[in-house]
Protein backbone atom coordinates (compact mmCIF):
# COMPACT_ATOMS: atom_id res chain seq x y z
CA MET A 1 42.16 -19.19 -5.60
CA GLU A 2 39.54 -16.45 -5.34
CA TYR A 3 37.90 -16.86 -1.91
CA ASN A 4 35.34 -14.14 -2.60
CA GLU A 5 33.88 -16.25 -5.42
CA ILE A 6 34.04 -19.48 -3.39
CA PHE A 7 32.25 -18.03 -0.35
CA ARG A 8 29.79 -16.05 -2.46
CA GLY A 9 27.88 -19.16 -3.54
CA ILE A 10 28.15 -21.60 -0.61
CA SER A 11 25.07 -23.01 1.14
CA ALA A 12 25.83 -21.22 4.43
CA GLY A 13 25.21 -17.56 5.11
CA LEU A 14 28.20 -15.27 5.57
CA LEU A 15 27.93 -11.63 6.55
CA VAL A 16 30.86 -9.40 7.49
CA THR A 17 30.55 -6.06 9.27
CA ASP A 18 32.97 -3.24 9.87
CA LYS A 19 33.85 -1.98 13.36
CA ASP A 20 30.64 0.09 13.48
CA PHE A 21 28.53 -2.98 12.59
CA LYS A 22 27.71 -1.82 9.10
CA VAL A 23 27.54 -4.52 6.41
CA ALA A 24 30.84 -4.73 4.55
CA TRP A 25 30.19 -7.97 2.63
CA ALA A 26 27.59 -10.70 2.36
CA ASN A 27 27.16 -13.77 0.20
CA LYS A 28 24.26 -14.96 -1.97
CA PHE A 29 22.66 -16.85 0.96
CA GLU A 30 22.31 -13.54 2.82
CA GLU A 31 21.07 -11.72 -0.26
CA ASN A 32 18.35 -14.34 -0.70
CA PHE A 33 17.49 -14.32 3.02
CA TYR A 34 16.99 -10.53 3.09
CA GLY A 35 15.74 -10.16 -0.48
CA LYS A 36 18.38 -7.48 -1.11
CA THR A 37 21.53 -7.33 -3.19
CA LEU A 38 24.94 -6.86 -1.61
CA GLU A 39 24.96 -3.30 -2.95
CA GLU A 40 21.63 -2.62 -1.20
CA MET A 41 22.92 -4.12 2.07
CA LYS A 42 26.37 -2.50 2.02
CA ASP A 43 26.84 0.09 4.77
CA MET A 44 23.49 -0.87 6.34
CA TRP A 45 23.69 -0.84 10.15
CA VAL A 46 22.86 -4.41 11.22
CA VAL A 47 20.70 -3.18 14.11
CA ASP A 48 18.26 -1.84 11.52
CA CYS A 49 17.55 -5.43 10.40
CA HIS A 50 15.80 -6.17 13.70
CA ARG A 51 12.38 -5.39 15.12
CA GLU A 52 12.14 -2.21 17.15
CA GLU A 53 11.53 -4.09 20.41
CA ASN A 54 14.82 -6.02 19.96
CA LYS A 55 17.11 -3.14 18.98
CA THR A 56 18.22 -2.22 22.50
CA PHE A 57 19.26 -5.82 23.18
CA ILE A 58 21.03 -6.12 19.82
CA LYS A 59 23.00 -2.89 20.40
CA SER A 60 24.10 -4.15 23.82
CA PHE A 61 25.01 -7.57 22.36
CA LEU A 62 27.15 -6.00 19.62
CA GLU A 63 28.86 -3.62 22.04
CA LYS A 64 30.19 -6.67 23.93
CA PHE A 65 32.14 -7.62 20.81
CA LYS A 66 33.52 -4.12 20.41
CA THR A 67 34.73 -4.05 24.04
CA GLY A 68 36.15 -7.59 23.83
CA GLU A 69 33.74 -9.00 26.41
CA LEU A 70 32.59 -11.39 23.67
CA LYS A 71 34.83 -12.80 20.96
CA GLU A 72 32.39 -15.41 19.70
CA PHE A 73 28.82 -16.47 20.29
CA THR A 74 26.71 -19.33 18.91
CA LYS A 75 22.96 -19.84 19.03
CA ILE A 76 20.23 -21.83 17.34
CA ALA A 77 17.40 -19.75 15.88
CA VAL A 78 15.11 -19.76 12.86
CA GLY A 79 16.11 -23.36 12.10
CA MET A 80 19.80 -22.44 11.82
CA VAL A 81 23.02 -22.54 13.79
CA ILE A 82 24.20 -18.93 13.90
CA THR A 83 27.69 -17.91 14.97
CA TYR A 84 29.19 -14.49 15.54
CA SER A 85 32.98 -14.10 15.59
CA SER A 86 35.10 -11.00 16.09
CA TYR A 87 37.90 -10.22 13.72
CA TYR A 88 40.80 -7.85 14.24
CA GLU A 89 43.16 -5.73 12.17
CA ASN A 90 46.43 -4.63 13.80
CA GLN A 91 45.17 -6.01 17.16
CA GLU A 92 42.13 -3.69 17.06
CA PHE A 93 38.51 -4.75 16.76
CA ALA A 94 37.52 -4.50 13.09
CA GLY A 95 34.04 -6.10 13.04
CA ILE A 96 32.24 -9.40 13.18
CA VAL A 97 31.62 -12.31 10.85
CA ARG A 98 28.23 -13.96 11.18
CA THR A 99 27.68 -17.42 9.76
CA ARG A 100 24.37 -19.21 9.38
CA ILE A 101 23.99 -22.88 8.61
CA LYS A 102 20.59 -24.47 8.09
CA MET A 103 19.71 -27.27 10.50
CA PRO A 104 18.93 -30.58 8.80
CA LYS A 105 15.23 -31.36 8.55
CA GLN A 106 15.99 -35.02 9.24
CA ASN A 107 19.03 -36.98 10.28
CA LEU A 108 20.91 -38.75 7.53
CA LYS A 109 21.70 -42.41 8.09
């Protein structure tokens, strides 16, 4: 089973960074959200995706993952549930995985 192909086309956003918070991988949801291809996003520092007035906060937020103060974080924003999760290689911080799932516009019965 090729997970890259499975996750590439799902209806939730997936974005993976390296330890320096540069984009390592993203799926089609993220490409559509940003209007950029994976190749255009690769190696982009995720802080650069934010408005100037938010960059200091974002840098501080990300640093908490690098130091281990945060391992996961979930919020609701832009009509989506957004989660950030650390991942590790050889017990060392290797980056984060961000997921985004659209909130339903109405409850199903």
